[in-house]
């Protein structure tokens, strides 16, 4: 019986390890062009984690979103807690209205707004622009999600990241994935982000804990 339990635990461990690396399969699952790792992966091509520089992966990383309040494009204060416990959160850190590459990234996120809502996810874009520039950028994008102003870069500095970056966190503020785009702005595609969100929604750590506790007690 003990041998059987150990074998089951070993299989569970391997399955969990594979599940913690969904980005390894995104290149195969996503066929949208224009983003590293979003085309079918062939021998010798980089994985998404290499192409887009995945710097945080999985809740075991211990990273959490910091509590913050930032003004949006209308000057209204937006607080992170308004969304937590109800929505997953995607934070997109950009260079502002004058950055064409960041604008393209934000437009792609805006084009998938409804898909993010279906995954119970809010997108918050954080940049250095002052109110007037933030209003201009929001108008260009069609006001798809809150564009927040952080001229001092306080929020991204708290995470130890650089702009541009993108963070995916669950509704409890735990960070599951974060990417740094670097000088060439190599970021995950919207489809890659959506697959992470589907993966997060499918997880139930509490249920897993109860399941294994019950199994161990039954074997005793």
N, C-alpha and C. Protein backbone atom coordinates (compact mmCIF):
# COMPACT_ATOMS: atom_id res chain seq x y z
N UNK A 1 0.83 -1.21 0.00
CA UNK A 1 0.00 0.00 0.00
C UNK A 1 0.86 1.25 0.00
N UNK A 2 1.93 1.19 0.84
CA UNK A 2 2.84 2.33 0.89
C UNK A 2 3.52 2.54 -0.45
N UNK A 3 3.90 1.41 -1.08
CA UNK A 3 4.54 1.51 -2.38
C UNK A 3 3.61 2.14 -3.40
N UNK A 4 2.32 1.75 -3.34
CA UNK A 4 1.35 2.33 -4.27
C UNK A 4 1.18 3.81 -4.06
N UNK A 5 1.14 4.23 -2.78
CA UNK A 5 0.98 5.66 -2.48
C UNK A 5 2.18 6.45 -2.97
N UNK A 6 3.41 5.88 -2.78
CA UNK A 6 4.61 6.57 -3.24
C UNK A 6 4.61 6.72 -4.75
N UNK A 7 4.16 5.67 -5.45
CA UNK A 7 4.09 5.75 -6.91
C UNK A 7 3.10 6.81 -7.35
N UNK A 8 1.94 6.85 -6.66
CA UNK A 8 0.93 7.87 -6.99
C UNK A 8 1.46 9.26 -6.73
N UNK A 9 2.18 9.43 -5.60
CA UNK A 9 2.74 10.74 -5.27
C UNK A 9 3.78 11.15 -6.29
N UNK A 10 4.59 10.17 -6.76
CA UNK A 10 5.60 10.49 -7.76
C UNK A 10 4.95 10.95 -9.06
N UNK A 11 3.86 10.27 -9.48
CA UNK A 11 3.15 10.66 -10.69
C UNK A 11 2.53 12.02 -10.51
N UNK A 12 1.94 12.27 -9.31
CA UNK A 12 1.34 13.57 -9.03
C UNK A 12 2.37 14.67 -9.09
N UNK A 13 3.58 14.37 -8.56
CA UNK A 13 4.65 15.37 -8.55
C UNK A 13 5.07 15.72 -9.97
N UNK A 14 5.20 14.69 -10.83
CA UNK A 14 5.59 14.94 -12.21
C UNK A 14 4.52 15.73 -12.94
N UNK A 15 3.23 15.35 -12.70
CA UNK A 15 2.14 16.07 -13.35
C UNK A 15 2.12 17.52 -12.92
N UNK A 16 2.35 17.76 -11.61
CA UNK A 16 2.33 19.12 -11.10
C UNK A 16 3.48 19.92 -11.68
N UNK A 17 4.66 19.29 -11.83
CA UNK A 17 5.82 19.99 -12.40
C UNK A 17 5.54 20.39 -13.83
N UNK A 18 4.89 19.49 -14.59
CA UNK A 18 4.57 19.82 -15.97
C UNK A 18 3.55 20.94 -16.02
N UNK A 19 2.58 20.92 -15.09
CA UNK A 19 1.56 21.95 -15.08
C UNK A 19 2.12 23.30 -14.72
N UNK A 20 3.22 23.33 -13.94
CA UNK A 20 3.81 24.60 -13.55
C UNK A 20 4.60 25.22 -14.70
N UNK A 21 4.72 24.52 -15.84
CA UNK A 21 5.49 25.04 -16.98
C UNK A 21 4.61 25.11 -18.22
N UNK A 22 3.41 25.71 -18.14
CA UNK A 22 2.55 25.73 -19.32
C UNK A 22 3.15 26.51 -20.46
N UNK A 23 4.08 27.43 -20.18
CA UNK A 23 4.67 28.21 -21.26
C UNK A 23 5.45 27.34 -22.22
N UNK A 24 5.87 26.13 -21.77
CA UNK A 24 6.60 25.23 -22.66
C UNK A 24 5.72 24.70 -23.78
N UNK A 25 4.40 24.73 -23.59
CA UNK A 25 3.49 24.21 -24.60
C UNK A 25 2.79 25.32 -25.36
N UNK A 26 2.94 26.59 -24.93
CA UNK A 26 2.23 27.67 -25.58
C UNK A 26 2.64 27.84 -27.03
N UNK A 27 3.93 27.64 -27.32
CA UNK A 27 4.39 27.82 -28.69
C UNK A 27 3.70 26.87 -29.64
N UNK A 28 3.31 25.71 -29.14
CA UNK A 28 2.60 24.74 -29.96
C UNK A 28 1.12 25.06 -30.04
N UNK A 29 0.58 25.63 -28.95
CA UNK A 29 -0.86 25.83 -28.89
C UNK A 29 -1.31 27.11 -29.55
N UNK A 30 -0.43 28.11 -29.65
CA UNK A 30 -0.81 29.40 -30.21
C UNK A 30 -0.26 29.54 -31.61
N UNK A 31 -1.07 30.04 -32.53
CA UNK A 31 -0.63 30.17 -33.91
C UNK A 31 -0.67 31.61 -34.38
N UNK A 32 -0.98 32.57 -33.49
CA UNK A 32 -0.96 33.98 -33.87
C UNK A 32 0.47 34.39 -34.19
N UNK A 33 0.65 35.24 -35.19
CA UNK A 33 1.98 35.70 -35.55
C UNK A 33 2.26 37.04 -34.90
N UNK A 34 3.54 37.42 -34.89
CA UNK A 34 3.92 38.73 -34.42
C UNK A 34 4.43 38.76 -33.01
N UNK A 35 4.46 37.63 -32.31
CA UNK A 35 4.97 37.61 -30.95
C UNK A 35 5.87 36.41 -30.77
N UNK A 36 7.01 36.56 -30.10
CA UNK A 36 7.91 35.43 -29.88
C UNK A 36 7.20 34.29 -29.16
N UNK A 37 7.42 33.09 -29.59
CA UNK A 37 6.85 31.94 -28.91
C UNK A 37 5.42 31.67 -29.28
N UNK A 38 4.80 32.51 -30.14
CA UNK A 38 3.41 32.30 -30.47
C UNK A 38 3.24 31.51 -31.77
N UNK A 39 4.37 31.16 -32.40
CA UNK A 39 4.31 30.35 -33.60
C UNK A 39 4.69 28.92 -33.25
N UNK A 40 4.27 27.94 -34.08
CA UNK A 40 4.58 26.54 -33.75
C UNK A 40 6.07 26.36 -33.54
N UNK A 41 6.44 25.66 -32.48
CA UNK A 41 7.84 25.49 -32.12
C UNK A 41 8.46 24.35 -32.92
N UNK A 42 9.59 24.62 -33.55
CA UNK A 42 10.33 23.60 -34.27
C UNK A 42 11.70 23.44 -33.64
N UNK A 43 12.40 22.40 -34.05
CA UNK A 43 13.71 22.14 -33.48
C UNK A 43 14.62 23.34 -33.67
N UNK A 44 15.30 23.73 -32.59
CA UNK A 44 16.24 24.83 -32.67
C UNK A 44 15.64 26.19 -32.41
N UNK A 45 14.30 26.30 -32.31
CA UNK A 45 13.67 27.58 -32.03
C UNK A 45 13.51 27.73 -30.53
N UNK A 46 13.56 28.97 -30.00
CA UNK A 46 13.48 29.15 -28.55
C UNK A 46 12.09 28.91 -28.01
N UNK A 47 12.04 28.46 -26.77
CA UNK A 47 10.77 28.37 -26.07
C UNK A 47 10.34 29.77 -25.70
N UNK A 48 9.06 29.90 -25.31
CA UNK A 48 8.55 31.21 -24.94
C UNK A 48 9.35 31.80 -23.79
N UNK A 49 9.73 30.98 -22.81
CA UNK A 49 10.45 31.48 -21.65
C UNK A 49 11.78 32.09 -22.05
N UNK A 50 12.40 31.57 -23.14
CA UNK A 50 13.66 32.11 -23.60
C UNK A 50 13.44 33.34 -24.47
N UNK A 51 12.41 33.30 -25.31
CA UNK A 51 12.19 34.39 -26.24
C UNK A 51 11.67 35.63 -25.54
N UNK A 52 10.74 35.46 -24.60
CA UNK A 52 10.11 36.59 -23.94
C UNK A 52 10.67 36.83 -22.55
N UNK A 53 11.64 36.05 -22.13
CA UNK A 53 12.30 36.17 -20.84
C UNK A 53 11.30 36.13 -19.68
N UNK A 54 10.82 34.93 -19.43
CA UNK A 54 9.95 34.68 -18.29
C UNK A 54 10.80 34.70 -17.02
N UNK A 55 10.56 35.65 -16.14
CA UNK A 55 11.41 35.84 -14.97
C UNK A 55 10.75 35.38 -13.67
N UNK A 56 9.44 35.21 -13.68
CA UNK A 56 8.72 34.65 -12.52
C UNK A 56 7.77 33.61 -13.06
N UNK A 57 7.73 32.44 -12.42
CA UNK A 57 6.86 31.36 -12.90
C UNK A 57 6.31 30.59 -11.72
N UNK A 58 4.98 30.53 -11.62
CA UNK A 58 4.33 29.71 -10.62
C UNK A 58 4.18 30.39 -9.27
N UNK A 59 3.11 30.06 -8.53
CA UNK A 59 2.86 30.70 -7.24
C UNK A 59 3.91 30.35 -6.19
N UNK A 60 4.64 29.26 -6.40
CA UNK A 60 5.69 28.88 -5.44
C UNK A 60 6.82 29.89 -5.41
N UNK A 61 6.82 30.83 -6.36
CA UNK A 61 7.86 31.85 -6.38
C UNK A 61 7.77 32.77 -5.16
N UNK A 62 6.60 32.85 -4.55
CA UNK A 62 6.42 33.68 -3.36
C UNK A 62 6.22 35.15 -3.66
N UNK A 63 6.05 35.51 -4.93
CA UNK A 63 5.87 36.91 -5.29
C UNK A 63 4.39 37.28 -5.25
N UNK A 64 4.10 38.46 -4.70
CA UNK A 64 2.73 38.96 -4.63
C UNK A 64 2.68 40.38 -5.17
N UNK A 65 1.51 40.77 -5.68
CA UNK A 65 1.34 42.15 -6.10
C UNK A 65 1.32 43.06 -4.88
N UNK A 66 2.02 44.19 -4.95
CA UNK A 66 1.96 45.14 -3.85
C UNK A 66 0.66 45.93 -3.90
N UNK A 67 0.16 46.31 -2.76
CA UNK A 67 -1.01 47.17 -2.73
C UNK A 67 -0.62 48.55 -3.26
N UNK A 68 -1.46 49.12 -4.12
CA UNK A 68 -1.12 50.44 -4.65
C UNK A 68 -2.38 51.22 -5.01
N UNK A 69 -2.22 52.51 -5.09
CA UNK A 69 -3.24 53.43 -5.58
C UNK A 69 -2.58 54.36 -6.58
N UNK A 70 -3.12 54.40 -7.82
CA UNK A 70 -2.57 55.24 -8.88
C UNK A 70 -3.72 55.93 -9.61
N UNK A 71 -3.48 57.13 -10.14
CA UNK A 71 -4.54 57.81 -10.90
C UNK A 71 -4.69 57.23 -12.30
N UNK A 72 -5.95 57.18 -12.77
CA UNK A 72 -6.18 56.72 -14.14
C UNK A 72 -6.17 57.91 -15.09
N UNK A 73 -6.57 57.70 -16.34
CA UNK A 73 -6.48 58.74 -17.36
C UNK A 73 -7.46 59.89 -17.12
N UNK A 74 -8.42 59.68 -16.23
CA UNK A 74 -9.35 60.75 -15.86
C UNK A 74 -8.97 61.40 -14.54
N UNK A 75 -7.84 60.96 -13.98
CA UNK A 75 -7.40 61.52 -12.70
C UNK A 75 -8.02 60.87 -11.49
N UNK A 76 -8.83 59.84 -11.68
CA UNK A 76 -9.48 59.15 -10.56
C UNK A 76 -8.53 58.12 -9.95
N UNK A 77 -8.50 58.04 -8.62
CA UNK A 77 -7.63 57.05 -7.98
C UNK A 77 -8.15 55.63 -8.20
N UNK A 78 -7.26 54.76 -8.58
CA UNK A 78 -7.58 53.33 -8.77
C UNK A 78 -6.74 52.54 -7.78
N UNK A 79 -7.40 51.69 -7.00
CA UNK A 79 -6.72 50.88 -6.00
C UNK A 79 -6.76 49.42 -6.41
N UNK A 80 -5.68 48.72 -6.18
CA UNK A 80 -5.61 47.31 -6.56
C UNK A 80 -6.69 46.49 -5.87
N UNK A 81 -6.98 46.80 -4.62
CA UNK A 81 -7.94 45.99 -3.86
C UNK A 81 -9.33 46.03 -4.47
N UNK A 82 -9.62 47.00 -5.33
CA UNK A 82 -10.92 47.06 -5.99
C UNK A 82 -11.16 45.80 -6.84
N UNK A 83 -10.09 45.17 -7.27
CA UNK A 83 -10.22 44.04 -8.19
C UNK A 83 -9.90 42.69 -7.55
N UNK A 84 -9.04 42.69 -6.54
CA UNK A 84 -8.65 41.42 -5.94
C UNK A 84 -9.83 40.72 -5.30
N UNK A 85 -9.76 39.40 -5.24
CA UNK A 85 -10.78 38.47 -4.77
C UNK A 85 -11.93 38.33 -5.76
N UNK A 86 -11.99 39.22 -6.75
CA UNK A 86 -13.02 39.09 -7.78
C UNK A 86 -12.44 38.81 -9.16
N UNK A 87 -11.21 39.26 -9.39
CA UNK A 87 -10.63 39.15 -10.73
C UNK A 87 -9.15 38.76 -10.66
N UNK A 88 -8.73 38.00 -11.65
CA UNK A 88 -7.31 37.89 -11.90
C UNK A 88 -6.82 39.24 -12.42
N UNK A 89 -5.53 39.47 -12.35
CA UNK A 89 -4.99 40.78 -12.73
C UNK A 89 -3.82 40.60 -13.70
N UNK A 90 -3.87 41.35 -14.80
CA UNK A 90 -2.73 41.47 -15.71
C UNK A 90 -2.22 42.90 -15.61
N UNK A 91 -0.98 43.06 -15.21
CA UNK A 91 -0.35 44.38 -15.17
C UNK A 91 0.60 44.50 -16.36
N UNK A 92 0.38 45.52 -17.17
CA UNK A 92 1.24 45.78 -18.32
C UNK A 92 1.99 47.08 -18.07
N UNK A 93 3.31 46.98 -17.90
CA UNK A 93 4.14 48.16 -17.67
C UNK A 93 4.72 48.62 -19.01
N UNK A 94 4.46 49.87 -19.37
CA UNK A 94 4.85 50.38 -20.69
C UNK A 94 5.62 51.69 -20.55
N UNK A 95 6.22 52.12 -21.67
CA UNK A 95 7.04 53.33 -21.68
C UNK A 95 6.25 54.62 -21.89
N UNK A 96 4.98 54.49 -22.26
CA UNK A 96 4.17 55.68 -22.43
C UNK A 96 3.74 55.93 -23.86
N UNK A 97 3.07 57.05 -24.05
CA UNK A 97 2.41 57.36 -25.32
C UNK A 97 3.39 57.46 -26.48
N UNK A 98 4.65 57.81 -26.24
CA UNK A 98 5.60 58.01 -27.32
C UNK A 98 6.31 56.74 -27.77
N UNK A 99 6.01 55.61 -27.12
CA UNK A 99 6.66 54.35 -27.47
C UNK A 99 5.77 53.55 -28.41
N UNK A 100 6.20 53.41 -29.67
CA UNK A 100 5.39 52.70 -30.66
C UNK A 100 5.24 51.22 -30.31
N UNK A 101 6.32 50.60 -29.83
CA UNK A 101 6.27 49.16 -29.50
C UNK A 101 5.33 48.92 -28.33
N UNK A 102 5.38 49.78 -27.34
CA UNK A 102 4.46 49.64 -26.21
C UNK A 102 3.01 49.86 -26.66
N UNK A 103 2.83 50.80 -27.57
CA UNK A 103 1.49 51.04 -28.10
C UNK A 103 0.93 49.82 -28.80
N UNK A 104 1.78 49.13 -29.57
CA UNK A 104 1.34 47.91 -30.25
C UNK A 104 0.96 46.83 -29.24
N UNK A 105 1.74 46.72 -28.18
CA UNK A 105 1.44 45.74 -27.14
C UNK A 105 0.10 46.05 -26.47
N UNK A 106 -0.15 47.32 -26.16
CA UNK A 106 -1.39 47.71 -25.52
C UNK A 106 -2.58 47.53 -26.46
N UNK A 107 -2.38 47.78 -27.74
CA UNK A 107 -3.47 47.57 -28.70
C UNK A 107 -3.85 46.10 -28.80
N UNK A 108 -2.85 45.23 -28.72
CA UNK A 108 -3.17 43.80 -28.75
C UNK A 108 -3.97 43.40 -27.52
N UNK A 109 -3.58 43.90 -26.36
CA UNK A 109 -4.33 43.61 -25.14
C UNK A 109 -5.75 44.16 -25.26
N UNK A 110 -5.88 45.36 -25.81
CA UNK A 110 -7.21 45.97 -25.96
C UNK A 110 -8.09 45.16 -26.90
N UNK A 111 -7.50 44.60 -27.94
CA UNK A 111 -8.27 43.81 -28.90
C UNK A 111 -8.82 42.54 -28.29
N UNK A 112 -8.22 42.08 -27.20
CA UNK A 112 -8.66 40.84 -26.54
C UNK A 112 -9.37 41.13 -25.22
N UNK A 113 -9.86 42.34 -25.06
CA UNK A 113 -10.50 42.74 -23.80
C UNK A 113 -11.63 41.79 -23.41
N UNK A 114 -12.50 41.45 -24.36
CA UNK A 114 -13.64 40.59 -24.04
C UNK A 114 -13.18 39.20 -23.62
N UNK A 115 -12.12 38.70 -24.25
CA UNK A 115 -11.60 37.38 -23.87
C UNK A 115 -11.05 37.41 -22.45
N UNK A 116 -10.39 38.51 -22.06
CA UNK A 116 -9.90 38.63 -20.70
C UNK A 116 -11.06 38.67 -19.70
N UNK A 117 -12.11 39.37 -20.06
CA UNK A 117 -13.27 39.44 -19.17
C UNK A 117 -13.91 38.07 -18.99
N UNK A 118 -13.90 37.26 -20.05
CA UNK A 118 -14.45 35.91 -19.94
C UNK A 118 -13.65 35.06 -18.97
N UNK A 119 -12.36 35.37 -18.81
CA UNK A 119 -11.51 34.67 -17.86
C UNK A 119 -11.49 35.40 -16.51
N UNK A 120 -12.45 36.30 -16.30
CA UNK A 120 -12.57 37.04 -15.04
C UNK A 120 -11.25 37.75 -14.71
N UNK A 121 -10.76 38.47 -15.69
CA UNK A 121 -9.45 39.11 -15.56
C UNK A 121 -9.55 40.58 -15.93
N UNK A 122 -8.92 41.42 -15.13
CA UNK A 122 -8.82 42.84 -15.43
C UNK A 122 -7.39 43.15 -15.88
N UNK A 123 -7.27 44.00 -16.88
CA UNK A 123 -5.97 44.48 -17.35
C UNK A 123 -5.77 45.90 -16.82
N UNK A 124 -4.63 46.13 -16.21
CA UNK A 124 -4.24 47.47 -15.75
C UNK A 124 -2.92 47.82 -16.42
N UNK A 125 -2.92 48.90 -17.19
CA UNK A 125 -1.70 49.34 -17.86
C UNK A 125 -1.07 50.47 -17.05
N UNK A 126 0.20 50.33 -16.72
CA UNK A 126 0.89 51.29 -15.86
C UNK A 126 2.06 51.89 -16.62
N UNK A 127 2.08 53.22 -16.70
CA UNK A 127 3.15 53.89 -17.44
C UNK A 127 3.56 55.19 -16.77
N UNK A 128 4.53 55.88 -17.36
CA UNK A 128 5.09 57.09 -16.75
C UNK A 128 4.37 58.37 -17.11
N UNK A 129 3.36 58.30 -18.00
CA UNK A 129 2.74 59.51 -18.52
C UNK A 129 2.00 60.29 -17.44
N UNK A 130 2.04 61.60 -17.57
CA UNK A 130 1.21 62.47 -16.75
C UNK A 130 -0.21 62.45 -17.29
N UNK A 131 -1.12 63.17 -16.64
CA UNK A 131 -2.55 63.07 -16.95
C UNK A 131 -2.85 63.36 -18.42
N UNK A 132 -2.31 64.42 -18.98
CA UNK A 132 -2.64 64.79 -20.35
C UNK A 132 -2.21 63.70 -21.34
N UNK A 133 -0.98 63.21 -21.17
CA UNK A 133 -0.49 62.15 -22.06
C UNK A 133 -1.26 60.85 -21.85
N UNK A 134 -1.64 60.59 -20.61
CA UNK A 134 -2.40 59.38 -20.32
C UNK A 134 -3.78 59.44 -20.97
N UNK A 135 -4.38 60.62 -20.97
CA UNK A 135 -5.67 60.79 -21.64
C UNK A 135 -5.53 60.57 -23.14
N UNK A 136 -4.44 61.05 -23.71
CA UNK A 136 -4.19 60.87 -25.14
C UNK A 136 -4.05 59.39 -25.49
N UNK A 137 -3.28 58.67 -24.69
CA UNK A 137 -3.08 57.24 -24.95
C UNK A 137 -4.37 56.46 -24.78
N UNK A 138 -5.15 56.78 -23.75
CA UNK A 138 -6.42 56.10 -23.53
C UNK A 138 -7.37 56.33 -24.70
N UNK A 139 -7.38 57.54 -25.23
CA UNK A 139 -8.24 57.84 -26.38
C UNK A 139 -7.78 57.07 -27.62
N UNK A 140 -6.48 56.96 -27.82
CA UNK A 140 -5.96 56.21 -28.96
C UNK A 140 -6.37 54.74 -28.89
N UNK A 141 -6.40 54.21 -27.69
CA UNK A 141 -6.72 52.78 -27.51
C UNK A 141 -8.23 52.53 -27.43
N UNK A 142 -9.02 53.59 -27.25
CA UNK A 142 -10.46 53.41 -27.12
C UNK A 142 -10.92 53.11 -25.71
N UNK A 143 -10.12 53.49 -24.72
CA UNK A 143 -10.47 53.32 -23.30
C UNK A 143 -10.85 51.87 -22.96
N UNK A 144 -10.02 50.88 -23.33
CA UNK A 144 -10.40 49.48 -23.10
C UNK A 144 -10.24 49.02 -21.66
N UNK A 145 -9.31 49.64 -20.94
CA UNK A 145 -9.03 49.26 -19.55
C UNK A 145 -8.34 50.44 -18.88
N UNK A 146 -8.23 50.44 -17.56
CA UNK A 146 -7.60 51.57 -16.87
C UNK A 146 -6.13 51.73 -17.26
N UNK A 147 -5.76 52.95 -17.62
CA UNK A 147 -4.36 53.31 -17.85
C UNK A 147 -3.92 54.16 -16.66
N UNK A 148 -2.99 53.64 -15.90
CA UNK A 148 -2.61 54.26 -14.64
C UNK A 148 -1.27 54.98 -14.79
N UNK A 149 -1.12 56.06 -14.06
CA UNK A 149 0.08 56.88 -14.14
C UNK A 149 0.98 56.66 -12.94
N UNK A 150 2.22 56.29 -13.23
CA UNK A 150 3.23 56.08 -12.18
C UNK A 150 4.56 56.66 -12.68
N UNK A 151 4.67 57.99 -12.72
CA UNK A 151 5.88 58.62 -13.29
C UNK A 151 7.17 58.20 -12.61
N UNK A 152 7.11 57.92 -11.32
CA UNK A 152 8.33 57.54 -10.59
C UNK A 152 8.68 56.06 -10.76
N UNK A 153 7.80 55.28 -11.39
CA UNK A 153 8.06 53.86 -11.57
C UNK A 153 8.09 53.09 -10.26
N UNK A 154 7.29 53.53 -9.31
CA UNK A 154 7.33 52.92 -7.97
C UNK A 154 6.86 51.47 -7.98
N UNK A 155 5.80 51.18 -8.71
CA UNK A 155 5.20 49.85 -8.65
C UNK A 155 6.11 48.80 -9.31
N UNK A 156 6.66 49.12 -10.47
CA UNK A 156 7.53 48.15 -11.14
C UNK A 156 8.82 47.96 -10.35
N UNK A 157 9.29 49.03 -9.68
CA UNK A 157 10.51 48.91 -8.87
C UNK A 157 10.29 47.97 -7.70
N UNK A 158 9.08 47.96 -7.15
CA UNK A 158 8.79 47.07 -6.03
C UNK A 158 8.90 45.60 -6.43
N UNK A 159 8.71 45.32 -7.70
CA UNK A 159 8.82 43.94 -8.19
C UNK A 159 10.22 43.62 -8.71
N UNK A 160 11.10 44.62 -8.76
CA UNK A 160 12.44 44.38 -9.26
C UNK A 160 12.51 44.12 -10.75
N UNK A 161 11.54 44.65 -11.51
CA UNK A 161 11.48 44.45 -12.95
C UNK A 161 11.85 45.74 -13.68
N UNK A 162 11.93 45.64 -15.01
CA UNK A 162 12.19 46.81 -15.84
C UNK A 162 11.10 46.92 -16.89
N UNK A 163 10.89 48.14 -17.36
CA UNK A 163 9.90 48.39 -18.41
C UNK A 163 10.52 48.07 -19.78
N UNK A 164 9.77 47.39 -20.67
CA UNK A 164 8.41 46.90 -20.49
C UNK A 164 8.37 45.54 -19.79
N UNK A 165 7.34 45.34 -19.03
CA UNK A 165 7.14 44.07 -18.35
C UNK A 165 5.65 43.75 -18.32
N UNK A 166 5.35 42.49 -18.09
CA UNK A 166 3.96 42.07 -17.95
C UNK A 166 3.87 41.05 -16.84
N UNK A 167 2.88 41.23 -15.96
CA UNK A 167 2.68 40.34 -14.81
C UNK A 167 1.28 39.75 -14.86
N UNK A 168 1.18 38.47 -14.59
CA UNK A 168 -0.12 37.81 -14.43
C UNK A 168 -0.24 37.34 -12.99
N UNK A 169 -1.30 37.77 -12.32
CA UNK A 169 -1.54 37.38 -10.93
C UNK A 169 -2.97 36.85 -10.79
N UNK A 170 -3.16 35.95 -9.82
CA UNK A 170 -4.51 35.44 -9.58
C UNK A 170 -5.30 36.43 -8.73
N UNK A 171 -6.52 36.05 -8.41
CA UNK A 171 -7.42 36.98 -7.71
C UNK A 171 -7.00 37.22 -6.26
N UNK A 172 -6.00 36.48 -5.79
CA UNK A 172 -5.48 36.70 -4.43
C UNK A 172 -4.18 37.49 -4.45
N UNK A 173 -3.77 37.91 -5.63
CA UNK A 173 -2.57 38.74 -5.74
C UNK A 173 -1.29 37.95 -5.89
N UNK A 174 -1.37 36.60 -5.96
CA UNK A 174 -0.17 35.80 -6.17
C UNK A 174 0.26 35.88 -7.64
N UNK A 175 1.53 36.14 -7.86
CA UNK A 175 2.05 36.26 -9.22
C UNK A 175 2.39 34.87 -9.76
N UNK A 176 1.79 34.53 -10.89
CA UNK A 176 2.02 33.24 -11.53
C UNK A 176 3.03 33.34 -12.66
N UNK A 177 3.12 34.49 -13.28
CA UNK A 177 4.07 34.64 -14.39
C UNK A 177 4.40 36.12 -14.57
N UNK A 178 5.64 36.38 -14.94
CA UNK A 178 6.06 37.75 -15.25
C UNK A 178 7.14 37.70 -16.31
N UNK A 179 7.04 38.61 -17.24
CA UNK A 179 7.99 38.70 -18.34
C UNK A 179 8.63 40.08 -18.38
N UNK A 180 9.89 40.14 -18.79
CA UNK A 180 10.57 41.39 -19.07
C UNK A 180 10.88 41.42 -20.56
N UNK A 181 10.43 42.47 -21.25
CA UNK A 181 10.54 42.50 -22.70
C UNK A 181 11.90 42.92 -23.23
N UNK A 182 12.65 43.67 -22.43
CA UNK A 182 13.95 44.13 -22.89
C UNK A 182 13.86 45.21 -23.94
N UNK A 183 15.00 45.54 -24.53
CA UNK A 183 15.06 46.64 -25.49
C UNK A 183 14.24 46.36 -26.75
N UNK A 184 14.08 45.07 -27.09
CA UNK A 184 13.33 44.73 -28.30
C UNK A 184 11.87 44.42 -28.03
N UNK A 185 11.42 44.62 -26.79
CA UNK A 185 9.99 44.49 -26.43
C UNK A 185 9.43 43.12 -26.82
N UNK A 186 10.15 42.07 -26.51
CA UNK A 186 9.69 40.72 -26.84
C UNK A 186 8.80 40.23 -25.71
N UNK A 187 7.49 40.40 -25.90
CA UNK A 187 6.51 40.08 -24.87
C UNK A 187 5.62 38.92 -25.30
N UNK A 188 4.95 38.26 -24.36
CA UNK A 188 4.02 37.19 -24.73
C UNK A 188 2.83 37.75 -25.48
N UNK A 189 2.27 36.96 -26.36
CA UNK A 189 1.09 37.40 -27.09
C UNK A 189 -0.13 37.33 -26.19
N UNK A 190 -1.21 37.95 -26.64
CA UNK A 190 -2.46 37.89 -25.88
C UNK A 190 -2.94 36.45 -25.73
N UNK A 191 -2.72 35.64 -26.76
CA UNK A 191 -3.13 34.23 -26.68
C UNK A 191 -2.31 33.49 -25.63
N UNK A 192 -1.02 33.79 -25.53
CA UNK A 192 -0.19 33.18 -24.49
C UNK A 192 -0.71 33.57 -23.11
N UNK A 193 -1.05 34.83 -22.93
CA UNK A 193 -1.57 35.33 -21.65
C UNK A 193 -2.88 34.63 -21.31
N UNK A 194 -3.75 34.49 -22.30
CA UNK A 194 -5.04 33.85 -22.06
C UNK A 194 -4.86 32.39 -21.65
N UNK A 195 -3.89 31.71 -22.22
CA UNK A 195 -3.66 30.31 -21.83
C UNK A 195 -3.15 30.22 -20.40
N UNK A 196 -2.33 31.18 -19.99
CA UNK A 196 -1.93 31.22 -18.57
C UNK A 196 -3.16 31.40 -17.68
N UNK A 197 -4.08 32.28 -18.09
CA UNK A 197 -5.26 32.54 -17.27
C UNK A 197 -6.16 31.31 -17.19
N UNK A 198 -6.30 30.60 -18.30
CA UNK A 198 -7.07 29.35 -18.27
C UNK A 198 -6.41 28.35 -17.33
N UNK A 199 -5.09 28.27 -17.38
CA UNK A 199 -4.33 27.38 -16.50
C UNK A 199 -4.55 27.75 -15.03
N UNK A 200 -4.49 29.04 -14.72
CA UNK A 200 -4.67 29.50 -13.33
C UNK A 200 -6.07 29.17 -12.84
N UNK A 201 -7.07 29.41 -13.67
CA UNK A 201 -8.45 29.15 -13.27
C UNK A 201 -8.70 27.66 -13.02
N UNK A 202 -7.91 26.81 -13.68
CA UNK A 202 -8.10 25.36 -13.53
C UNK A 202 -7.47 24.81 -12.26
N UNK A 203 -6.65 25.62 -11.59
CA UNK A 203 -5.95 25.12 -10.40
C UNK A 203 -6.82 25.26 -9.17
N UNK A 204 -6.65 24.32 -8.25
CA UNK A 204 -7.35 24.37 -6.97
C UNK A 204 -6.43 23.78 -5.92
N UNK A 205 -5.42 24.55 -5.44
CA UNK A 205 -4.47 24.02 -4.46
C UNK A 205 -5.14 23.51 -3.20
N UNK A 206 -6.21 24.18 -2.73
CA UNK A 206 -6.89 23.74 -1.51
C UNK A 206 -7.50 22.35 -1.70
N UNK A 207 -8.12 22.14 -2.89
CA UNK A 207 -8.73 20.84 -3.15
C UNK A 207 -7.66 19.76 -3.20
N UNK A 208 -6.52 20.09 -3.83
CA UNK A 208 -5.43 19.12 -3.92
C UNK A 208 -4.91 18.77 -2.54
N UNK A 209 -4.77 19.77 -1.68
CA UNK A 209 -4.29 19.53 -0.33
C UNK A 209 -5.25 18.61 0.43
N UNK A 210 -6.56 18.89 0.32
CA UNK A 210 -7.54 18.07 1.01
C UNK A 210 -7.53 16.65 0.47
N UNK A 211 -7.43 16.54 -0.87
CA UNK A 211 -7.44 15.22 -1.50
C UNK A 211 -6.29 14.36 -0.98
N UNK A 212 -5.07 14.92 -0.90
CA UNK A 212 -3.93 14.14 -0.46
C UNK A 212 -3.96 13.88 1.03
N UNK A 213 -4.51 14.82 1.81
CA UNK A 213 -4.65 14.60 3.25
C UNK A 213 -5.62 13.46 3.52
N UNK A 214 -6.74 13.47 2.80
CA UNK A 214 -7.73 12.42 2.97
C UNK A 214 -7.15 11.06 2.58
N UNK A 215 -6.36 11.02 1.49
CA UNK A 215 -5.78 9.78 1.03
C UNK A 215 -4.80 9.23 2.06
N UNK A 216 -3.98 10.09 2.63
CA UNK A 216 -2.99 9.65 3.62
C UNK A 216 -3.70 9.12 4.87
N UNK A 217 -4.77 9.82 5.28
CA UNK A 217 -5.50 9.37 6.46
C UNK A 217 -6.17 8.02 6.20
N UNK A 218 -6.68 7.83 4.98
CA UNK A 218 -7.32 6.56 4.64
C UNK A 218 -6.34 5.42 4.66
N UNK A 219 -5.11 5.68 4.16
CA UNK A 219 -4.09 4.64 4.14
C UNK A 219 -3.62 4.30 5.55
N UNK A 220 -3.61 5.29 6.44
CA UNK A 220 -3.23 5.02 7.83
C UNK A 220 -4.27 4.14 8.49
